[in-house]
Amino acid sequence: MDKTTRIVRGIIDEEAEQRLLKTSRLRKARLEREAATPEDTVAAKPGRARAKPRATAAKTTAK
């Protein structure tokens, strides 16, 4: 039982270390990309508001 626990903990620790390395690598790449991007292209363009459909007028019958 102890041998199995040690093996499982070793696998879990290795996976956690790989995940941390990947996260730090991706964070570094994102920061470099953001630093190289001009501020004008980072800001989102204001979008056009969608036109609302016209409300149909209720027809009344004249008596």
PDB file of N, CA and C in Angstrom:
ATOM      1  N   MET A   1       0.821  -1.192   0.000  1.00  0.00           N
ATOM      2  CA  MET A   1       0.000   0.000   0.000  1.00  0.00           C
ATOM      3  C   MET A   1       0.868   1.261   0.000  1.00  0.00           C
ATOM      4  N   ASP A   2       1.917   1.278   0.800  1.00  0.00           N
ATOM      5  CA  ASP A   2       2.802   2.437   0.858  1.00  0.00           C
ATOM      6  C   ASP A   2       3.520   2.659  -0.465  1.00  0.00           C
ATOM      7  N   LYS A   3       3.881   1.579  -1.118  1.00  0.00           N
ATOM      8  CA  LYS A   3       4.579   1.688  -2.406  1.00  0.00           C
ATOM      9  C   LYS A   3       3.661   2.328  -3.440  1.00  0.00           C
ATOM     10  N   THR A   4       2.394   1.915  -3.471  1.00  0.00           N
ATOM     11  CA  THR A   4       1.424   2.485  -4.403  1.00  0.00           C
ATOM     12  C   THR A   4       1.206   3.965  -4.124  1.00  0.00           C
ATOM     13  N   THR A   5       1.104   4.325  -2.868  1.00  0.00           N
ATOM     14  CA  THR A   5       0.901   5.722  -2.481  1.00  0.00           C
ATOM     15  C   THR A   5       2.079   6.577  -2.923  1.00  0.00           C
ATOM     16  N   ARG A   6       3.292   6.089  -2.716  1.00  0.00           N
ATOM     17  CA  ARG A   6       4.479   6.845  -3.137  1.00  0.00           C
ATOM     18  C   ARG A   6       4.513   7.035  -4.650  1.00  0.00           C
ATOM     19  N   ILE A   7       4.156   5.999  -5.390  1.00  0.00           N
ATOM     20  CA  ILE A   7       4.164   6.086  -6.854  1.00  0.00           C
ATOM     21  C   ILE A   7       3.118   7.097  -7.325  1.00  0.00           C
ATOM     22  N   VAL A   8       1.925   7.033  -6.741  1.00  0.00           N
ATOM     23  CA  VAL A   8       0.854   7.953  -7.136  1.00  0.00           C
ATOM     24  C   VAL A   8       1.230   9.387  -6.791  1.00  0.00           C
ATOM     25  N   ARG A   9       1.781   9.610  -5.617  1.00  0.00           N
ATOM     26  CA  ARG A   9       2.199  10.969  -5.236  1.00  0.00           C
ATOM     27  C   ARG A   9       3.293  11.488  -6.153  1.00  0.00           C
ATOM     28  N   GLY A  10       4.199  10.600  -6.560  1.00  0.00           N
ATOM     29  CA  GLY A  10       5.250  11.006  -7.495  1.00  0.00           C
ATOM     30  C   GLY A  10       4.663  11.424  -8.829  1.00  0.00           C
ATOM     31  N   ILE A  11       3.689  10.680  -9.320  1.00  0.00           N
ATOM     32  CA  ILE A  11       3.040  11.018 -10.595  1.00  0.00           C
ATOM     33  C   ILE A  11       2.304  12.347 -10.476  1.00  0.00           C
ATOM     34  N   ILE A  12       1.573  12.531  -9.389  1.00  0.00           N
ATOM     35  CA  ILE A  12       0.811  13.763  -9.188  1.00  0.00           C
ATOM     36  C   ILE A  12       1.753  14.958  -9.077  1.00  0.00           C
ATOM     37  N   ASP A  13       2.853  14.805  -8.344  1.00  0.00           N
ATOM     38  CA  ASP A  13       3.821  15.893  -8.199  1.00  0.00           C
ATOM     39  C   ASP A  13       4.452  16.251  -9.540  1.00  0.00           C
ATOM     40  N   GLU A  14       4.756  15.247 -10.342  1.00  0.00           N
ATOM     41  CA  GLU A  14       5.351  15.485 -11.660  1.00  0.00           C
ATOM     42  C   GLU A  14       4.368  16.229 -12.573  1.00  0.00           C
ATOM     43  N   GLU A  15       3.106  15.825 -12.545  1.00  0.00           N
ATOM     44  CA  GLU A  15       2.091  16.501 -13.355  1.00  0.00           C
ATOM     45  C   GLU A  15       1.905  17.948 -12.911  1.00  0.00           C
ATOM     46  N   ALA A  16       1.932  18.186 -11.605  1.00  0.00           N
ATOM     47  CA  ALA A  16       1.782  19.549 -11.093  1.00  0.00           C
ATOM     48  C   ALA A  16       2.958  20.413 -11.523  1.00  0.00           C
ATOM     49  N   GLU A  17       4.153  19.873 -11.492  1.00  0.00           N
ATOM     50  CA  GLU A  17       5.339  20.614 -11.912  1.00  0.00           C
ATOM     51  C   GLU A  17       5.261  20.952 -13.403  1.00  0.00           C
ATOM     52  N   GLN A  18       4.843  19.994 -14.219  1.00  0.00           N
ATOM     53  CA  GLN A  18       4.703  20.242 -15.652  1.00  0.00           C
ATOM     54  C   GLN A  18       3.650  21.313 -15.918  1.00  0.00           C
ATOM     55  N   ARG A  19       2.560  21.287 -15.151  1.00  0.00           N
ATOM     56  CA  ARG A  19       1.498  22.282 -15.309  1.00  0.00           C
ATOM     57  C   ARG A  19       2.005  23.674 -14.955  1.00  0.00           C
ATOM     58  N   LEU A  20       2.797  23.785 -13.885  1.00  0.00           N
ATOM     59  CA  LEU A  20       3.355  25.078 -13.498  1.00  0.00           C
ATOM     60  C   LEU A  20       4.324  25.612 -14.555  1.00  0.00           C
ATOM     61  N   LEU A  21       5.142  24.733 -15.104  1.00  0.00           N
ATOM     62  CA  LEU A  21       6.078  25.151 -16.151  1.00  0.00           C
ATOM     63  C   LEU A  21       5.329  25.646 -17.388  1.00  0.00           C
ATOM     64  N   LYS A  22       4.284  24.932 -17.759  1.00  0.00           N
ATOM     65  CA  LYS A  22       3.494  25.324 -18.925  1.00  0.00           C
ATOM     66  C   LYS A  22       2.795  26.655 -18.671  1.00  0.00           C
ATOM     67  N   THR A  23       2.242  26.836 -17.481  1.00  0.00           N
ATOM     68  CA  THR A  23       1.556  28.080 -17.151  1.00  0.00           C
ATOM     69  C   THR A  23       2.513  29.260 -17.202  1.00  0.00           C
ATOM     70  N   SER A  24       3.698  29.098 -16.634  1.00  0.00           N
ATOM     71  CA  SER A  24       4.659  30.206 -16.644  1.00  0.00           C
ATOM     72  C   SER A  24       5.149  30.504 -18.058  1.00  0.00           C
ATOM     73  N   ARG A  25       5.310  29.470 -18.877  1.00  0.00           N
ATOM     74  CA  ARG A  25       5.732  29.688 -20.266  1.00  0.00           C
ATOM     75  C   ARG A  25       4.655  30.435 -21.046  1.00  0.00           C
ATOM     76  N   LEU A  26       3.400  30.035 -20.873  1.00  0.00           N
ATOM     77  CA  LEU A  26       2.306  30.711 -21.576  1.00  0.00           C
ATOM     78  C   LEU A  26       2.118  32.139 -21.089  1.00  0.00           C
ATOM     79  N   ARG A  27       2.266  32.368 -19.777  1.00  0.00           N
ATOM     80  CA  ARG A  27       2.147  33.718 -19.228  1.00  0.00           C
ATOM     81  C   ARG A  27       3.224  34.631 -19.810  1.00  0.00           C
ATOM     82  N   LYS A  28       4.447  34.115 -19.882  1.00  0.00           N
ATOM     83  CA  LYS A  28       5.559  34.894 -20.429  1.00  0.00           C
ATOM     84  C   LYS A  28       5.292  35.248 -21.895  1.00  0.00           C
ATOM     85  N   ALA A  29       4.810  34.281 -22.670  1.00  0.00           N
ATOM     86  CA  ALA A  29       4.512  34.528 -24.084  1.00  0.00           C
ATOM     87  C   ALA A  29       3.401  35.560 -24.235  1.00  0.00           C
ATOM     88  N   ARG A  30       2.377  35.489 -23.368  1.00  0.00           N
ATOM     89  CA  ARG A  30       1.269  36.456 -23.440  1.00  0.00           C
ATOM     90  C   ARG A  30       1.753  37.853 -23.105  1.00  0.00           C
ATOM     91  N   LEU A  31       2.574  37.980 -22.079  1.00  0.00           N
ATOM     92  CA  LEU A  31       3.085  39.297 -21.696  1.00  0.00           C
ATOM     93  C   LEU A  31       3.972  39.891 -22.789  1.00  0.00           C
ATOM     94  N   GLU A  32       4.788  39.060 -23.418  1.00  0.00           N
ATOM     95  CA  GLU A  32       5.626  39.542 -24.523  1.00  0.00           C
ATOM     96  C   GLU A  32       4.771  39.986 -25.699  1.00  0.00           C
ATOM     97  N   ARG A  33       3.720  39.232 -26.001  1.00  0.00           N
ATOM     98  CA  ARG A  33       2.840  39.586 -27.113  1.00  0.00           C
ATOM     99  C   ARG A  33       2.104  40.894 -26.811  1.00  0.00           C
ATOM    100  N   GLU A  34       1.629  41.055 -25.581  1.00  0.00           N
ATOM    101  CA  GLU A  34       0.935  42.289 -25.215  1.00  0.00           C
ATOM    102  C   GLU A  34       1.871  43.481 -25.237  1.00  0.00           C
ATOM    103  N   ALA A  35       3.135  43.293 -24.854  1.00  0.00           N
ATOM    104  CA  ALA A  35       4.106  44.383 -24.862  1.00  0.00           C
ATOM    105  C   ALA A  35       4.439  44.804 -26.287  1.00  0.00           C
ATOM    106  N   ALA A  36       4.414  43.859 -27.228  1.00  0.00           N
ATOM    107  CA  ALA A  36       4.758  44.157 -28.610  1.00  0.00           C
ATOM    108  C   ALA A  36       3.575  44.736 -29.378  1.00  0.00           C
ATOM    109  N   THR A  37       2.367  44.619 -28.846  1.00  0.00           N
ATOM    110  CA  THR A  37       1.168  45.097 -29.524  1.00  0.00           C
ATOM    111  C   THR A  37       0.953  46.568 -29.223  1.00  0.00           C
ATOM    112  N   PRO A  38       0.759  47.408 -30.257  1.00  0.00           N
ATOM    113  CA  PRO A  38       0.471  48.823 -30.009  1.00  0.00           C
ATOM    114  C   PRO A  38      -0.849  48.982 -29.258  1.00  0.00           C
ATOM    115  N   GLU A  39      -0.955  50.037 -28.477  1.00  0.00           N
ATOM    116  CA  GLU A  39      -2.142  50.278 -27.676  1.00  0.00           C
ATOM    117  C   GLU A  39      -3.398  50.477 -28.526  1.00  0.00           C
ATOM    118  N   ASP A  40      -3.259  51.043 -29.725  1.00  0.00           N
ATOM    119  CA  ASP A  40      -4.422  51.316 -30.565  1.00  0.00           C
ATOM    120  C   ASP A  40      -5.143  50.033 -30.963  1.00  0.00           C
ATOM    121  N   THR A  41      -4.403  48.981 -31.217  1.00  0.00           N
ATOM    122  CA  THR A  41      -5.041  47.750 -31.655  1.00  0.00           C
ATOM    123  C   THR A  41      -5.568  46.930 -30.486  1.00  0.00           C
ATOM    124  N   VAL A  42      -5.128  47.228 -29.277  1.00  0.00           N
ATOM    125  CA  VAL A  42      -5.592  46.485 -28.114  1.00  0.00           C
ATOM    126  C   VAL A  42      -7.013  46.890 -27.756  1.00  0.00           C
ATOM    127  N   ALA A  43      -7.319  48.191 -27.886  1.00  0.00           N
ATOM    128  CA  ALA A  43      -8.653  48.676 -27.527  1.00  0.00           C
ATOM    129  C   ALA A  43      -9.677  48.158 -28.528  1.00  0.00           C
ATOM    130  N   ALA A  44     -10.797  47.738 -28.029  1.00  0.00           N
ATOM    131  CA  ALA A  44     -11.856  47.223 -28.893  1.00  0.00           C
ATOM    132  C   ALA A  44     -12.567  48.375 -29.583  1.00  0.00           C
ATOM    133  N   LYS A  45     -12.940  48.140 -30.819  1.00  0.00           N
ATOM    134  CA  LYS A  45     -13.677  49.156 -31.547  1.00  0.00           C
ATOM    135  C   LYS A  45     -15.113  49.189 -31.044  1.00  0.00           C
ATOM    136  N   PRO A  46     -15.665  50.402 -30.890  1.00  0.00           N
ATOM    137  CA  PRO A  46     -17.062  50.449 -30.466  1.00  0.00           C
ATOM    138  C   PRO A  46     -17.951  49.894 -31.574  1.00  0.00           C
ATOM    139  N   GLY A  47     -18.834  49.038 -31.213  1.00  0.00           N
ATOM    140  CA  GLY A  47     -19.706  48.404 -32.194  1.00  0.00           C
ATOM    141  C   GLY A  47     -20.941  49.243 -32.463  1.00  0.00           C
ATOM    142  N   ARG A  48     -21.530  49.007 -33.594  1.00  0.00           N
ATOM    143  CA  ARG A  48     -22.783  49.677 -33.934  1.00  0.00           C
ATOM    144  C   ARG A  48     -23.923  48.999 -33.217  1.00  0.00           C
ATOM    145  N   ALA A  49     -24.830  49.785 -32.707  1.00  0.00           N
ATOM    146  CA  ALA A  49     -25.983  49.205 -32.021  1.00  0.00           C
ATOM    147  C   ALA A  49     -26.900  48.575 -33.062  1.00  0.00           C
ATOM    148  N   ARG A  50     -27.459  47.470 -32.707  1.00  0.00           N
ATOM    149  CA  ARG A  50     -28.372  46.795 -33.631  1.00  0.00           C
ATOM    150  C   ARG A  50     -29.681  47.563 -33.701  1.00  0.00           C
ATOM    151  N   ALA A  51     -30.249  47.589 -34.885  1.00  0.00           N
ATOM    152  CA  ALA A  51     -31.533  48.251 -35.063  1.00  0.00           C
ATOM    153  C   ALA A  51     -32.620  47.371 -34.459  1.00  0.00           C
ATOM    154  N   LYS A  52     -33.506  48.002 -33.738  1.00  0.00           N
ATOM    155  CA  LYS A  52     -34.603  47.258 -33.134  1.00  0.00           C
ATOM    156  C   LYS A  52     -35.691  47.072 -34.179  1.00  0.00           C
ATOM    157  N   PRO A  53     -36.342  45.936 -34.185  1.00  0.00           N
ATOM    158  CA  PRO A  53     -37.422  45.743 -35.154  1.00  0.00           C
ATOM    159  C   PRO A  53     -38.573  46.694 -34.822  1.00  0.00           C
ATOM    160  N   ARG A  54     -39.202  47.178 -35.887  1.00  0.00           N
ATOM    161  CA  ARG A  54     -40.321  48.101 -35.689  1.00  0.00           C
ATOM    162  C   ARG A  54     -41.500  47.371 -35.088  1.00  0.00           C
ATOM    163  N   ALA A  55     -42.167  48.068 -34.200  1.00  0.00           N
ATOM    164  CA  ALA A  55     -43.359  47.486 -33.588  1.00  0.00           C
ATOM    165  C   ALA A  55     -44.504  47.644 -34.593  1.00  0.00           C
ATOM    166  N   THR A  56     -45.262  46.606 -34.767  1.00  0.00           N
ATOM    167  CA  THR A  56     -46.368  46.678 -35.695  1.00  0.00           C
ATOM    168  C   THR A  56     -47.545  47.364 -35.009  1.00  0.00           C
ATOM    169  N   ALA A  57     -48.141  48.280 -35.705  1.00  0.00           N
ATOM    170  CA  ALA A  57     -49.275  49.010 -35.145  1.00  0.00           C
ATOM    171  C   ALA A  57     -50.502  48.107 -35.161  1.00  0.00           C
ATOM    172  N   ALA A  58     -51.216  48.094 -34.071  1.00  0.00           N
ATOM    173  CA  ALA A  58     -52.428  47.270 -33.993  1.00  0.00           C
ATOM    174  C   ALA A  58     -53.516  47.969 -34.792  1.00  0.00           C
ATOM    175  N   LYS A  59     -54.105  47.256 -35.719  1.00  0.00           N
ATOM    176  CA  LYS A  59     -55.173  47.843 -36.544  1.00  0.00           C
ATOM    177  C   LYS A  59     -56.488  47.745 -35.797  1.00  0.00           C
ATOM    178  N   THR A  60     -57.174  48.836 -35.795  1.00  0.00           N
ATOM    179  CA  THR A  60     -58.511  48.834 -35.170  1.00  0.00           C
ATOM    180  C   THR A  60     -59.535  48.955 -36.265  1.00  0.00           C
ATOM    181  N   THR A  61     -60.606  48.273 -36.119  1.00  0.00           N
ATOM    182  CA  THR A  61     -61.635  48.312 -37.136  1.00  0.00           C
ATOM    183  C   THR A  61     -62.632  49.426 -36.776  1.00  0.00           C
ATOM    184  N   ALA A  62     -62.892  50.257 -37.729  1.00  0.00           N
ATOM    185  CA  ALA A  62     -63.849  51.357 -37.508  1.00  0.00           C
ATOM    186  C   ALA A  62     -65.251  50.842 -37.735  1.00  0.00           C
ATOM    187  N   LYS A  63     -66.160  51.154 -36.851  1.00  0.00           N
ATOM    188  CA  LYS A  63     -67.549  50.707 -36.966  1.00  0.00           C
ATOM    189  C   LYS A  63     -68.444  51.863 -37.204  1.00  0.00           C
TER     190      LYS A  63
END
